[in-house]
Amino acid sequence: MKERDPADFLPLHQNWFHILLSLVGAEQHGYGIMQEVLERTTGAVRIWPATLYGTLQRLIADGLIEESEKRPVEELDDARRRYYRLTRLGRKVLDLECDRLHEMIRMMQKKRRLEA
């Protein structure tokens, strides 16, 4: 199966962006993702469980994330939890989205300088 073009996913929906960002550098379970987004955005973005789990399934179907086989040590684990990680495609999409957002900020700053 041919890998999709990462640019096809842009612009990312806000929830997709925050979920993918939560998976950078570490695998997470759903509740951990919700908590990280809430903390990182100081409460400005809240992803509710019904939204989160539907979005996770969509991200899996699109190949941006995958369920991890790794489990934490048994004392820290809950068998009901599913852990997720970024795929290579997911990381490319997130990187492109960050570049896109950076370019938008650059354009806005340039416009501000012209106003001054």
PDB file of N, CA and C in Angstrom:
ATOM      1  N   MET A   1       0.837  -1.183   0.000  1.00  0.00           N
ATOM      2  CA  MET A   1       0.000   0.000   0.000  1.00  0.00           C
ATOM      3  C   MET A   1       0.884   1.249   0.000  1.00  0.00           C
ATOM      4  N   LYS A   2       0.592   2.182  -0.890  1.00  0.00           N
ATOM      5  CA  LYS A   2       1.369   3.410  -0.995  1.00  0.00           C
ATOM      6  C   LYS A   2       1.011   4.337   0.157  1.00  0.00           C
ATOM      7  N   GLU A   3       2.051   4.929   0.768  1.00  0.00           N
ATOM      8  CA  GLU A   3       1.839   5.865   1.864  1.00  0.00           C
ATOM      9  C   GLU A   3       1.249   7.158   1.323  1.00  0.00           C
ATOM     10  N   ARG A   4       0.285   7.711   2.052  1.00  0.00           N
ATOM     11  CA  ARG A   4      -0.355   8.949   1.629  1.00  0.00           C
ATOM     12  C   ARG A   4       0.610  10.124   1.731  1.00  0.00           C
ATOM     13  N   ASP A   5       0.342  11.134   0.956  1.00  0.00           N
ATOM     14  CA  ASP A   5       1.121  12.359   1.002  1.00  0.00           C
ATOM     15  C   ASP A   5       0.748  13.110   2.280  1.00  0.00           C
ATOM     16  N   PRO A   6       1.721  13.400   3.150  1.00  0.00           N
ATOM     17  CA  PRO A   6       1.417  14.099   4.400  1.00  0.00           C
ATOM     18  C   PRO A   6       0.694  15.422   4.195  1.00  0.00           C
ATOM     19  N   ALA A   7       0.963  16.111   3.099  1.00  0.00           N
ATOM     20  CA  ALA A   7       0.321  17.401   2.836  1.00  0.00           C
ATOM     21  C   ALA A   7      -1.188  17.266   2.643  1.00  0.00           C
ATOM     22  N   ASP A   8      -1.645  16.064   2.286  1.00  0.00           N
ATOM     23  CA  ASP A   8      -3.083  15.847   2.091  1.00  0.00           C
ATOM     24  C   ASP A   8      -3.877  16.049   3.378  1.00  0.00           C
ATOM     25  N   PHE A   9      -3.221  15.987   4.528  1.00  0.00           N
ATOM     26  CA  PHE A   9      -3.911  16.101   5.807  1.00  0.00           C
ATOM     27  C   PHE A   9      -4.025  17.543   6.310  1.00  0.00           C
ATOM     28  N   LEU A  10      -3.364  18.460   5.615  1.00  0.00           N
ATOM     29  CA  LEU A  10      -3.321  19.842   6.092  1.00  0.00           C
ATOM     30  C   LEU A  10      -4.460  20.670   5.545  1.00  0.00           C
ATOM     31  N   PRO A  11      -4.922  21.649   6.294  1.00  0.00           N
ATOM     32  CA  PRO A  11      -4.546  21.954   7.673  1.00  0.00           C
ATOM     33  C   PRO A  11      -5.165  20.934   8.627  1.00  0.00           C
ATOM     34  N   LEU A  12      -4.460  20.662   9.693  1.00  0.00           N
ATOM     35  CA  LEU A  12      -4.939  19.699  10.689  1.00  0.00           C
ATOM     36  C   LEU A  12      -6.042  20.312  11.533  1.00  0.00           C
ATOM     37  N   HIS A  13      -7.018  19.503  11.876  1.00  0.00           N
ATOM     38  CA  HIS A  13      -8.018  19.911  12.856  1.00  0.00           C
ATOM     39  C   HIS A  13      -7.304  20.103  14.188  1.00  0.00           C
ATOM     40  N   GLN A  14      -7.757  21.055  14.967  1.00  0.00           N
ATOM     41  CA  GLN A  14      -7.120  21.361  16.251  1.00  0.00           C
ATOM     42  C   GLN A  14      -6.949  20.121  17.134  1.00  0.00           C
ATOM     43  N   ASN A  15      -7.976  19.290  17.238  1.00  0.00           N
ATOM     44  CA  ASN A  15      -7.864  18.098  18.086  1.00  0.00           C
ATOM     45  C   ASN A  15      -6.810  17.133  17.563  1.00  0.00           C
ATOM     46  N   TRP A  16      -6.743  16.980  16.245  1.00  0.00           N
ATOM     47  CA  TRP A  16      -5.732  16.099  15.659  1.00  0.00           C
ATOM     48  C   TRP A  16      -4.341  16.610  16.006  1.00  0.00           C
ATOM     49  N   PHE A  17      -4.151  17.922  15.859  1.00  0.00           N
ATOM     50  CA  PHE A  17      -2.857  18.520  16.168  1.00  0.00           C
ATOM     51  C   PHE A  17      -2.459  18.225  17.614  1.00  0.00           C
ATOM     52  N   HIS A  18      -3.368  18.465  18.534  1.00  0.00           N
ATOM     53  CA  HIS A  18      -3.043  18.273  19.951  1.00  0.00           C
ATOM     54  C   HIS A  18      -2.799  16.805  20.294  1.00  0.00           C
ATOM     55  N   ILE A  19      -3.534  15.909  19.693  1.00  0.00           N
ATOM     56  CA  ILE A  19      -3.319  14.481  19.949  1.00  0.00           C
ATOM     57  C   ILE A  19      -1.964  14.042  19.406  1.00  0.00           C
ATOM     58  N   LEU A  20      -1.658  14.420  18.174  1.00  0.00           N
ATOM     59  CA  LEU A  20      -0.363  14.053  17.603  1.00  0.00           C
ATOM     60  C   LEU A  20       0.777  14.656  18.420  1.00  0.00           C
ATOM     61  N   LEU A  21       0.631  15.898  18.831  1.00  0.00           N
ATOM     62  CA  LEU A  21       1.665  16.538  19.637  1.00  0.00           C
ATOM     63  C   LEU A  21       1.863  15.811  20.967  1.00  0.00           C
ATOM     64  N   SER A  22       0.784  15.301  21.547  1.00  0.00           N
ATOM     65  CA  SER A  22       0.880  14.558  22.813  1.00  0.00           C
ATOM     66  C   SER A  22       1.678  13.270  22.673  1.00  0.00           C
ATOM     67  N   LEU A  23       1.754  12.753  21.463  1.00  0.00           N
ATOM     68  CA  LEU A  23       2.443  11.483  21.251  1.00  0.00           C
ATOM     69  C   LEU A  23       3.902  11.652  20.830  1.00  0.00           C
ATOM     70  N   VAL A  24       4.368  12.885  20.735  1.00  0.00           N
ATOM     71  CA  VAL A  24       5.774  13.123  20.406  1.00  0.00           C
ATOM     72  C   VAL A  24       6.626  12.727  21.604  1.00  0.00           C
ATOM     73  N   GLY A  25       7.546  11.813  21.372  1.00  0.00           N
ATOM     74  CA  GLY A  25       8.506  11.442  22.401  1.00  0.00           C
ATOM     75  C   GLY A  25       8.055  10.392  23.390  1.00  0.00           C
ATOM     76  N   ALA A  26       6.767  10.066  23.397  1.00  0.00           N
ATOM     77  CA  ALA A  26       6.296   9.064  24.356  1.00  0.00           C
ATOM     78  C   ALA A  26       4.951   8.505  23.917  1.00  0.00           C
ATOM     79  N   GLU A  27       4.772   7.239  24.196  1.00  0.00           N
ATOM     80  CA  GLU A  27       3.470   6.626  23.961  1.00  0.00           C
ATOM     81  C   GLU A  27       2.541   7.079  25.079  1.00  0.00           C
ATOM     82  N   GLN A  28       1.274   7.158  24.768  1.00  0.00           N
ATOM     83  CA  GLN A  28       0.295   7.613  25.744  1.00  0.00           C
ATOM     84  C   GLN A  28      -0.969   6.782  25.634  1.00  0.00           C
ATOM     85  N   HIS A  29      -1.698   6.699  26.737  1.00  0.00           N
ATOM     86  CA  HIS A  29      -3.047   6.139  26.699  1.00  0.00           C
ATOM     87  C   HIS A  29      -4.028   7.305  26.600  1.00  0.00           C
ATOM     88  N   GLY A  30      -5.262   7.005  26.311  1.00  0.00           N
ATOM     89  CA  GLY A  30      -6.262   8.040  26.057  1.00  0.00           C
ATOM     90  C   GLY A  30      -6.387   9.070  27.156  1.00  0.00           C
ATOM     91  N   TYR A  31      -6.524   8.623  28.398  1.00  0.00           N
ATOM     92  CA  TYR A  31      -6.670   9.566  29.501  1.00  0.00           C
ATOM     93  C   TYR A  31      -5.430  10.442  29.621  1.00  0.00           C
ATOM     94  N   GLY A  32      -4.251   9.859  29.419  1.00  0.00           N
ATOM     95  CA  GLY A  32      -3.012  10.629  29.460  1.00  0.00           C
ATOM     96  C   GLY A  32      -2.984  11.708  28.390  1.00  0.00           C
ATOM     97  N   ILE A  33      -3.493  11.391  27.205  1.00  0.00           N
ATOM     98  CA  ILE A  33      -3.566  12.377  26.128  1.00  0.00           C
ATOM     99  C   ILE A  33      -4.484  13.521  26.533  1.00  0.00           C
ATOM    100  N   MET A  34      -5.656  13.182  27.048  1.00  0.00           N
ATOM    101  CA  MET A  34      -6.604  14.220  27.461  1.00  0.00           C
ATOM    102  C   MET A  34      -5.988  15.136  28.504  1.00  0.00           C
ATOM    103  N   GLN A  35      -5.307  14.565  29.482  1.00  0.00           N
ATOM    104  CA  GLN A  35      -4.705  15.348  30.559  1.00  0.00           C
ATOM    105  C   GLN A  35      -3.564  16.214  30.040  1.00  0.00           C
ATOM    106  N   GLU A  36      -2.738  15.668  29.169  1.00  0.00           N
ATOM    107  CA  GLU A  36      -1.622  16.456  28.637  1.00  0.00           C
ATOM    108  C   GLU A  36      -2.121  17.649  27.842  1.00  0.00           C
ATOM    109  N   VAL A  37      -3.136  17.437  27.009  1.00  0.00           N
ATOM    110  CA  VAL A  37      -3.685  18.542  26.217  1.00  0.00           C
ATOM    111  C   VAL A  37      -4.241  19.616  27.149  1.00  0.00           C
ATOM    112  N   LEU A  38      -4.972  19.210  28.145  1.00  0.00           N
ATOM    113  CA  LEU A  38      -5.558  20.148  29.092  1.00  0.00           C
ATOM    114  C   LEU A  38      -4.468  20.951  29.806  1.00  0.00           C
ATOM    115  N   GLU A  39      -3.421  20.271  30.256  1.00  0.00           N
ATOM    116  CA  GLU A  39      -2.324  20.952  30.954  1.00  0.00           C
ATOM    117  C   GLU A  39      -1.516  21.841  30.019  1.00  0.00           C
ATOM    118  N   ARG A  40      -1.186  21.320  28.840  1.00  0.00           N
ATOM    119  CA  ARG A  40      -0.349  22.081  27.897  1.00  0.00           C
ATOM    120  C   ARG A  40      -1.036  23.359  27.449  1.00  0.00           C
ATOM    121  N   THR A  41      -2.362  23.330  27.345  1.00  0.00           N
ATOM    122  CA  THR A  41      -3.105  24.497  26.867  1.00  0.00           C
ATOM    123  C   THR A  41      -3.697  25.297  28.022  1.00  0.00           C
ATOM    124  N   THR A  42      -3.284  24.969  29.235  1.00  0.00           N
ATOM    125  CA  THR A  42      -3.808  25.592  30.465  1.00  0.00           C
ATOM    126  C   THR A  42      -5.335  25.693  30.441  1.00  0.00           C
ATOM    127  N   GLY A  43      -5.948  24.598  30.025  1.00  0.00           N
ATOM    128  CA  GLY A  43      -7.401  24.489  30.044  1.00  0.00           C
ATOM    129  C   GLY A  43      -8.124  25.067  28.845  1.00  0.00           C
ATOM    130  N   ALA A  44      -7.408  25.678  27.922  1.00  0.00           N
ATOM    131  CA  ALA A  44      -8.051  26.292  26.754  1.00  0.00           C
ATOM    132  C   ALA A  44      -8.612  25.249  25.790  1.00  0.00           C
ATOM    133  N   VAL A  45      -7.983  24.067  25.746  1.00  0.00           N
ATOM    134  CA  VAL A  45      -8.459  22.991  24.866  1.00  0.00           C
ATOM    135  C   VAL A  45      -8.746  21.778  25.734  1.00  0.00           C
ATOM    136  N   ARG A  46      -9.983  21.318  25.642  1.00  0.00           N
ATOM    137  CA  ARG A  46     -10.393  20.115  26.370  1.00  0.00           C
ATOM    138  C   ARG A  46     -10.944  19.135  25.340  1.00  0.00           C
ATOM    139  N   ILE A  47     -10.372  17.952  25.313  1.00  0.00           N
ATOM    140  CA  ILE A  47     -10.869  16.915  24.405  1.00  0.00           C
ATOM    141  C   ILE A  47     -11.635  15.912  25.262  1.00  0.00           C
ATOM    142  N   TRP A  48     -12.914  15.827  25.024  1.00  0.00           N
ATOM    143  CA  TRP A  48     -13.775  14.940  25.809  1.00  0.00           C
ATOM    144  C   TRP A  48     -13.608  13.497  25.350  1.00  0.00           C
ATOM    145  N   PRO A  49     -13.894  12.535  26.227  1.00  0.00           N
ATOM    146  CA  PRO A  49     -13.669  11.120  25.881  1.00  0.00           C
ATOM    147  C   PRO A  49     -14.324  10.673  24.573  1.00  0.00           C
ATOM    148  N   ALA A  50     -15.565  11.023  24.362  1.00  0.00           N
ATOM    149  CA  ALA A  50     -16.240  10.575  23.134  1.00  0.00           C
ATOM    150  C   ALA A  50     -15.538  11.115  21.895  1.00  0.00           C
ATOM    151  N   THR A  51     -15.113  12.360  21.954  1.00  0.00           N
ATOM    152  CA  THR A  51     -14.376  12.965  20.846  1.00  0.00           C
ATOM    153  C   THR A  51     -13.014  12.310  20.697  1.00  0.00           C
ATOM    154  N   LEU A  52     -12.320  12.126  21.816  1.00  0.00           N
ATOM    155  CA  LEU A  52     -10.970  11.564  21.782  1.00  0.00           C
ATOM    156  C   LEU A  52     -10.961  10.183  21.150  1.00  0.00           C
ATOM    157  N   TYR A  53     -11.810   9.280  21.627  1.00  0.00           N
ATOM    158  CA  TYR A  53     -11.726   7.905  21.151  1.00  0.00           C
ATOM    159  C   TYR A  53     -12.178   7.761  19.709  1.00  0.00           C
ATOM    160  N   GLY A  54     -13.128   8.571  19.276  1.00  0.00           N
ATOM    161  CA  GLY A  54     -13.496   8.586  17.857  1.00  0.00           C
ATOM    162  C   GLY A  54     -12.354   9.108  16.999  1.00  0.00           C
ATOM    163  N   THR A  55     -11.688  10.149  17.492  1.00  0.00           N
ATOM    164  CA  THR A  55     -10.561  10.729  16.764  1.00  0.00           C
ATOM    165  C   THR A  55      -9.389   9.760  16.716  1.00  0.00           C
ATOM    166  N   LEU A  56      -9.111   9.074  17.826  1.00  0.00           N
ATOM    167  CA  LEU A  56      -8.031   8.085  17.824  1.00  0.00           C
ATOM    168  C   LEU A  56      -8.282   7.011  16.773  1.00  0.00           C
ATOM    169  N   GLN A  57      -9.517   6.542  16.667  1.00  0.00           N
ATOM    170  CA  GLN A  57      -9.832   5.526  15.660  1.00  0.00           C
ATOM    171  C   GLN A  57      -9.621   6.065  14.248  1.00  0.00           C
ATOM    172  N   ARG A  58      -9.978   7.316  14.032  1.00  0.00           N
ATOM    173  CA  ARG A  58      -9.780   7.936  12.709  1.00  0.00           C
ATOM    174  C   ARG A  58      -8.293   8.093  12.406  1.00  0.00           C
ATOM    175  N   LEU A  59      -7.516   8.511  13.406  1.00  0.00           N
ATOM    176  CA  LEU A  59      -6.073   8.668  13.211  1.00  0.00           C
ATOM    177  C   LEU A  59      -5.408   7.330  12.914  1.00  0.00           C
ATOM    178  N   ILE A  60      -5.891   6.272  13.553  1.00  0.00           N
ATOM    179  CA  ILE A  60      -5.384   4.925  13.265  1.00  0.00           C
ATOM    180  C   ILE A  60      -5.739   4.532  11.832  1.00  0.00           C
ATOM    181  N   ALA A  61      -7.001   4.741  11.462  1.00  0.00           N
ATOM    182  CA  ALA A  61      -7.452   4.375  10.115  1.00  0.00           C
ATOM    183  C   ALA A  61      -6.671   5.123   9.037  1.00  0.00           C
ATOM    184  N   ASP A  62      -6.282   6.364   9.326  1.00  0.00           N
ATOM    185  CA  ASP A  62      -5.529   7.165   8.359  1.00  0.00           C
ATOM    186  C   ASP A  62      -4.026   6.926   8.426  1.00  0.00           C
ATOM    187  N   GLY A  63      -3.587   6.082   9.357  1.00  0.00           N
ATOM    188  CA  GLY A  63      -2.178   5.720   9.435  1.00  0.00           C
ATOM    189  C   GLY A  63      -1.284   6.726  10.152  1.00  0.00           C
ATOM    190  N   LEU A  64      -1.882   7.663  10.904  1.00  0.00           N
ATOM    191  CA  LEU A  64      -1.086   8.675  11.591  1.00  0.00           C
ATOM    192  C   LEU A  64      -0.610   8.214  12.960  1.00  0.00           C
ATOM    193  N   ILE A  65      -1.360   7.327  13.573  1.00  0.00           N
ATOM    194  CA  ILE A  65      -0.951   6.731  14.838  1.00  0.00           C
ATOM    195  C   ILE A  65      -1.234   5.238  14.766  1.00  0.00           C
ATOM    196  N   GLU A  66      -0.696   4.518  15.750  1.00  0.00           N
ATOM    197  CA  GLU A  66      -0.980   3.088  15.840  1.00  0.00           C
ATOM    198  C   GLU A  66      -1.047   2.703  17.304  1.00  0.00           C
ATOM    199  N   GLU A  67      -1.736   1.621  17.559  1.00  0.00           N
ATOM    200  CA  GLU A  67      -1.785   1.116  18.918  1.00  0.00           C
ATOM    201  C   GLU A  67      -0.464   0.419  19.212  1.00  0.00           C
ATOM    202  N   SER A  68       0.056   0.667  20.381  1.00  0.00           N
ATOM    203  CA  SER A  68       1.337   0.104  20.783  1.00  0.00           C
ATOM    204  C   SER A  68       1.147  -1.250  21.441  1.00  0.00           C
ATOM    205  N   GLU A  69       2.085  -2.120  21.208  1.00  0.00           N
ATOM    206  CA  GLU A  69       2.085  -3.427  21.868  1.00  0.00           C
ATOM    207  C   GLU A  69       2.769  -3.352  23.223  1.00  0.00           C
ATOM    208  N   LYS A  70       3.608  -2.317  23.424  1.00  0.00           N
ATOM    209  CA  LYS A  70       4.339  -2.176  24.680  1.00  0.00           C
ATOM    210  C   LYS A  70       3.387  -1.846  25.817  1.00  0.00           C
ATOM    211  N   ARG A  71       3.707  -2.352  26.985  1.00  0.00           N
ATOM    212  CA  ARG A  71       2.917  -2.081  28.181  1.00  0.00           C
ATOM    213  C   ARG A  71       3.866  -1.632  29.286  1.00  0.00           C
ATOM    214  N   PRO A  72       3.375  -0.756  30.168  1.00  0.00           N
ATOM    215  CA  PRO A  72       4.218  -0.403  31.312  1.00  0.00           C
ATOM    216  C   PRO A  72       4.343  -1.585  32.267  1.00  0.00           C
ATOM    217  N   VAL A  73       5.197  -1.434  33.266  1.00  0.00           N
ATOM    218  CA  VAL A  73       5.326  -2.511  34.250  1.00  0.00           C
ATOM    219  C   VAL A  73       3.953  -2.800  34.851  1.00  0.00           C
ATOM    220  N   GLU A  74       3.734  -4.045  35.183  1.00  0.00           N
ATOM    221  CA  GLU A  74       2.411  -4.515  35.582  1.00  0.00           C
ATOM    222  C   GLU A  74       1.782  -3.701  36.710  1.00  0.00           C
ATOM    223  N   GLU A  75       2.595  -3.274  37.681  1.00  0.00           N
ATOM    224  CA  GLU A  75       2.043  -2.517  38.810  1.00  0.00           C
ATOM    225  C   GLU A  75       1.468  -1.169  38.384  1.00  0.00           C
ATOM    226  N   LEU A  76       1.958  -0.627  37.274  1.00  0.00           N
ATOM    227  CA  LEU A  76       1.513   0.677  36.802  1.00  0.00           C
ATOM    228  C   LEU A  76       0.498   0.582  35.660  1.00  0.00           C
ATOM    229  N   ASP A  77       0.184  -0.623  35.265  1.00  0.00           N
ATOM    230  CA  ASP A  77      -0.654  -0.820  34.085  1.00  0.00           C
ATOM    231  C   ASP A  77      -2.092  -1.112  34.475  1.00  0.00           C
ATOM    232  N   ASP A  78      -2.979  -0.783  33.579  1.00  0.00           N
ATOM    233  CA  ASP A  78      -4.387  -1.151  33.655  1.00  0.00           C
ATOM    234  C   ASP A  78      -4.674  -1.850  32.330  1.00  0.00           C
ATOM    235  N   ALA A  79      -5.075  -3.095  32.392  1.00  0.00           N
ATOM    236  CA  ALA A  79      -5.247  -3.902  31.172  1.00  0.00           C
ATOM    237  C   ALA A  79      -6.251  -3.290  30.201  1.00  0.00           C
ATOM    238  N   ARG A  80      -7.142  -2.444  30.690  1.00  0.00           N
ATOM    239  CA  ARG A  80      -8.138  -1.825  29.808  1.00  0.00           C
ATOM    240  C   ARG A  80      -7.552  -0.705  28.964  1.00  0.00           C
ATOM    241  N   ARG A  81      -6.439  -0.165  29.361  1.00  0.00           N
ATOM    242  CA  ARG A  81      -5.843   0.956  28.639  1.00  0.00           C
ATOM    243  C   ARG A  81      -5.220   0.509  27.327  1.00  0.00           C
ATOM    244  N   ARG A  82      -5.382   1.360  26.345  1.00  0.00           N
ATOM    245  CA  ARG A  82      -4.725   1.173  25.061  1.00  0.00           C
ATOM    246  C   ARG A  82      -3.715   2.295  24.926  1.00  0.00           C
ATOM    247  N   TYR A  83      -2.512   1.949  24.519  1.00  0.00           N
ATOM    248  CA  TYR A  83      -1.455   2.935  24.342  1.00  0.00           C
ATOM    249  C   TYR A  83      -1.264   3.205  22.860  1.00  0.00           C
ATOM    250  N   TYR A  84      -0.973   4.457  22.535  1.00  0.00           N
ATOM    251  CA  TYR A  84      -0.849   4.887  21.149  1.00  0.00           C
ATOM    252  C   TYR A  84       0.498   5.542  20.930  1.00  0.00           C
ATOM    253  N   ARG A  85       0.963   5.469  19.678  1.00  0.00           N
ATOM    254  CA  ARG A  85       2.211   6.124  19.306  1.00  0.00           C
ATOM    255  C   ARG A  85       2.073   6.679  17.891  1.00  0.00           C
ATOM    256  N   LEU A  86       2.911   7.671  17.604  1.00  0.00           N
ATOM    257  CA  LEU A  86       2.960   8.255  16.263  1.00  0.00           C
ATOM    258  C   LEU A  86       3.560   7.261  15.283  1.00  0.00           C
ATOM    259  N   THR A  87       3.063   7.270  14.087  1.00  0.00           N
ATOM    260  CA  THR A  87       3.709   6.547  12.995  1.00  0.00           C
ATOM    261  C   THR A  87       4.648   7.529  12.290  1.00  0.00           C
ATOM    262  N   ARG A  88       5.444   7.024  11.383  1.00  0.00           N
ATOM    263  CA  ARG A  88       6.321   7.896  10.595  1.00  0.00           C
ATOM    264  C   ARG A  88       5.480   8.924   9.833  1.00  0.00           C
ATOM    265  N   LEU A  89       4.373   8.477   9.242  1.00  0.00           N
ATOM    266  CA  LEU A  89       3.486   9.401   8.527  1.00  0.00           C
ATOM    267  C   LEU A  89       2.923  10.449   9.483  1.00  0.00           C
ATOM    268  N   GLY A  90       2.513  10.031  10.665  1.00  0.00           N
ATOM    269  CA  GLY A  90       1.977  10.977  11.645  1.00  0.00           C
ATOM    270  C   GLY A  90       2.980  12.046  12.012  1.00  0.00           C
ATOM    271  N   ARG A  91       4.233  11.649  12.169  1.00  0.00           N
ATOM    272  CA  ARG A  91       5.282  12.618  12.505  1.00  0.00           C
ATOM    273  C   ARG A  91       5.511  13.590  11.351  1.00  0.00           C
ATOM    274  N   LYS A  92       5.478  13.082  10.114  1.00  0.00           N
ATOM    275  CA  LYS A  92       5.655  13.961   8.950  1.00  0.00           C
ATOM    276  C   LYS A  92       4.513  14.973   8.869  1.00  0.00           C
ATOM    277  N   VAL A  93       3.297  14.501   9.104  1.00  0.00           N
ATOM    278  CA  VAL A  93       2.131  15.386   9.066  1.00  0.00           C
ATOM    279  C   VAL A  93       2.255  16.463  10.144  1.00  0.00           C
ATOM    280  N   LEU A  94       2.628  16.062  11.349  1.00  0.00           N
ATOM    281  CA  LEU A  94       2.783  17.026  12.439  1.00  0.00           C
ATOM    282  C   LEU A  94       3.878  18.040  12.119  1.00  0.00           C
ATOM    283  N   ASP A  95       4.988  17.588  11.580  1.00  0.00           N
ATOM    284  CA  ASP A  95       6.072  18.504  11.210  1.00  0.00           C
ATOM    285  C   ASP A  95       5.612  19.502  10.147  1.00  0.00           C
ATOM    286  N   LEU A  96       4.884  19.018   9.147  1.00  0.00           N
ATOM    287  CA  LEU A  96       4.380  19.921   8.108  1.00  0.00           C
ATOM    288  C   LEU A  96       3.400  20.938   8.679  1.00  0.00           C
ATOM    289  N   GLU A  97       2.557  20.493   9.585  1.00  0.00           N
ATOM    290  CA  GLU A  97       1.588  21.409  10.197  1.00  0.00           C
ATOM    291  C   GLU A  97       2.313  22.468  11.025  1.00  0.00           C
ATOM    292  N   CYS A  98       3.341  22.076  11.752  1.00  0.00           N
ATOM    293  CA  CYS A  98       4.119  23.043  12.530  1.00  0.00           C
ATOM    294  C   CYS A  98       4.790  24.050  11.600  1.00  0.00           C
ATOM    295  N   ASP A  99       5.322  23.579  10.480  1.00  0.00           N
ATOM    296  CA  ASP A  99       5.916  24.483   9.495  1.00  0.00           C
ATOM    297  C   ASP A  99       4.865  25.444   8.947  1.00  0.00           C
ATOM    298  N   ARG A 100       3.675  24.941   8.674  1.00  0.00           N
ATOM    299  CA  ARG A 100       2.588  25.767   8.143  1.00  0.00           C
ATOM    300  C   ARG A 100       2.198  26.845   9.154  1.00  0.00           C
ATOM    301  N   LEU A 101       2.058  26.455  10.411  1.00  0.00           N
ATOM    302  CA  LEU A 101       1.691  27.419  11.452  1.00  0.00           C
ATOM    303  C   LEU A 101       2.794  28.461  11.648  1.00  0.00           C
ATOM    304  N   HIS A 102       4.039  28.006  11.605  1.00  0.00           N
ATOM    305  CA  HIS A 102       5.167  28.933  11.731  1.00  0.00           C
ATOM    306  C   HIS A 102       5.145  29.957  10.599  1.00  0.00           C
ATOM    307  N   GLU A 103       4.868  29.517   9.396  1.00  0.00           N
ATOM    308  CA  GLU A 103       4.809  30.422   8.249  1.00  0.00           C
ATOM    309  C   GLU A 103       3.667  31.426   8.412  1.00  0.00           C
ATOM    310  N   MET A 104       2.539  31.000   8.946  1.00  0.00           N
ATOM    311  CA  MET A 104       1.422  31.921   9.180  1.00  0.00           C
ATOM    312  C   MET A 104       1.814  33.000  10.192  1.00  0.00           C
ATOM    313  N   ILE A 105       2.526  32.604  11.234  1.00  0.00           N
ATOM    314  CA  ILE A 105       2.983  33.571  12.236  1.00  0.00           C
ATOM    315  C   ILE A 105       3.978  34.539  11.610  1.00  0.00           C
ATOM    316  N   ARG A 106       4.876  34.017  10.784  1.00  0.00           N
ATOM    317  CA  ARG A 106       5.850  34.869  10.110  1.00  0.00           C
ATOM    318  C   ARG A 106       5.149  35.916   9.244  1.00  0.00           C
ATOM    319  N   MET A 107       4.109  35.498   8.519  1.00  0.00           N
ATOM    320  CA  MET A 107       3.369  36.442   7.675  1.00  0.00           C
ATOM    321  C   MET A 107       2.675  37.513   8.510  1.00  0.00           C
ATOM    322  N   MET A 108       2.101  37.096   9.640  1.00  0.00           N
ATOM    323  CA  MET A 108       1.417  38.046  10.508  1.00  0.00           C
ATOM    324  C   MET A 108       2.404  39.051  11.080  1.00  0.00           C
ATOM    325  N   GLN A 109       3.573  38.602  11.473  1.00  0.00           N
ATOM    326  CA  GLN A 109       4.593  39.504  12.020  1.00  0.00           C
ATOM    327  C   GLN A 109       5.065  40.487  10.954  1.00  0.00           C
ATOM    328  N   LYS A 110       5.197  40.024   9.734  1.00  0.00           N
ATOM    329  CA  LYS A 110       5.606  40.906   8.640  1.00  0.00           C
ATOM    330  C   LYS A 110       4.548  41.991   8.416  1.00  0.00           C
ATOM    331  N   LYS A 111       3.285  41.600   8.445  1.00  0.00           N
ATOM    332  CA  LYS A 111       2.201  42.575   8.281  1.00  0.00           C
ATOM    333  C   LYS A 111       2.219  43.589   9.412  1.00  0.00           C
ATOM    334  N   ARG A 112       2.473  43.150  10.623  1.00  0.00           N
ATOM    335  CA  ARG A 112       2.535  44.080  11.762  1.00  0.00           C
ATOM    336  C   ARG A 112       3.658  45.100  11.583  1.00  0.00           C
ATOM    337  N   ARG A 113       4.798  44.638  11.088  1.00  0.00           N
ATOM    338  CA  ARG A 113       5.923  45.560  10.867  1.00  0.00           C
ATOM    339  C   ARG A 113       5.564  46.605   9.818  1.00  0.00           C
ATOM    340  N   LEU A 114       4.775  46.232   8.816  1.00  0.00           N
ATOM    341  CA  LEU A 114       4.359  47.176   7.790  1.00  0.00           C
ATOM    342  C   LEU A 114       3.396  48.229   8.343  1.00  0.00           C
ATOM    343  N   GLU A 115       2.625  47.846   9.358  1.00  0.00           N
ATOM    344  CA  GLU A 115       1.687  48.792   9.986  1.00  0.00           C
ATOM    345  C   GLU A 115       2.408  49.830  10.829  1.00  0.00           C
ATOM    346  N   ALA A 116       3.555  49.473  11.362  1.00  0.00           N
ATOM    347  CA  ALA A 116       4.252  50.349  12.317  1.00  0.00           C
ATOM    348  C   ALA A 116       4.884  51.543  11.665  1.00  0.00           C
TER     349      ALA A 116
END
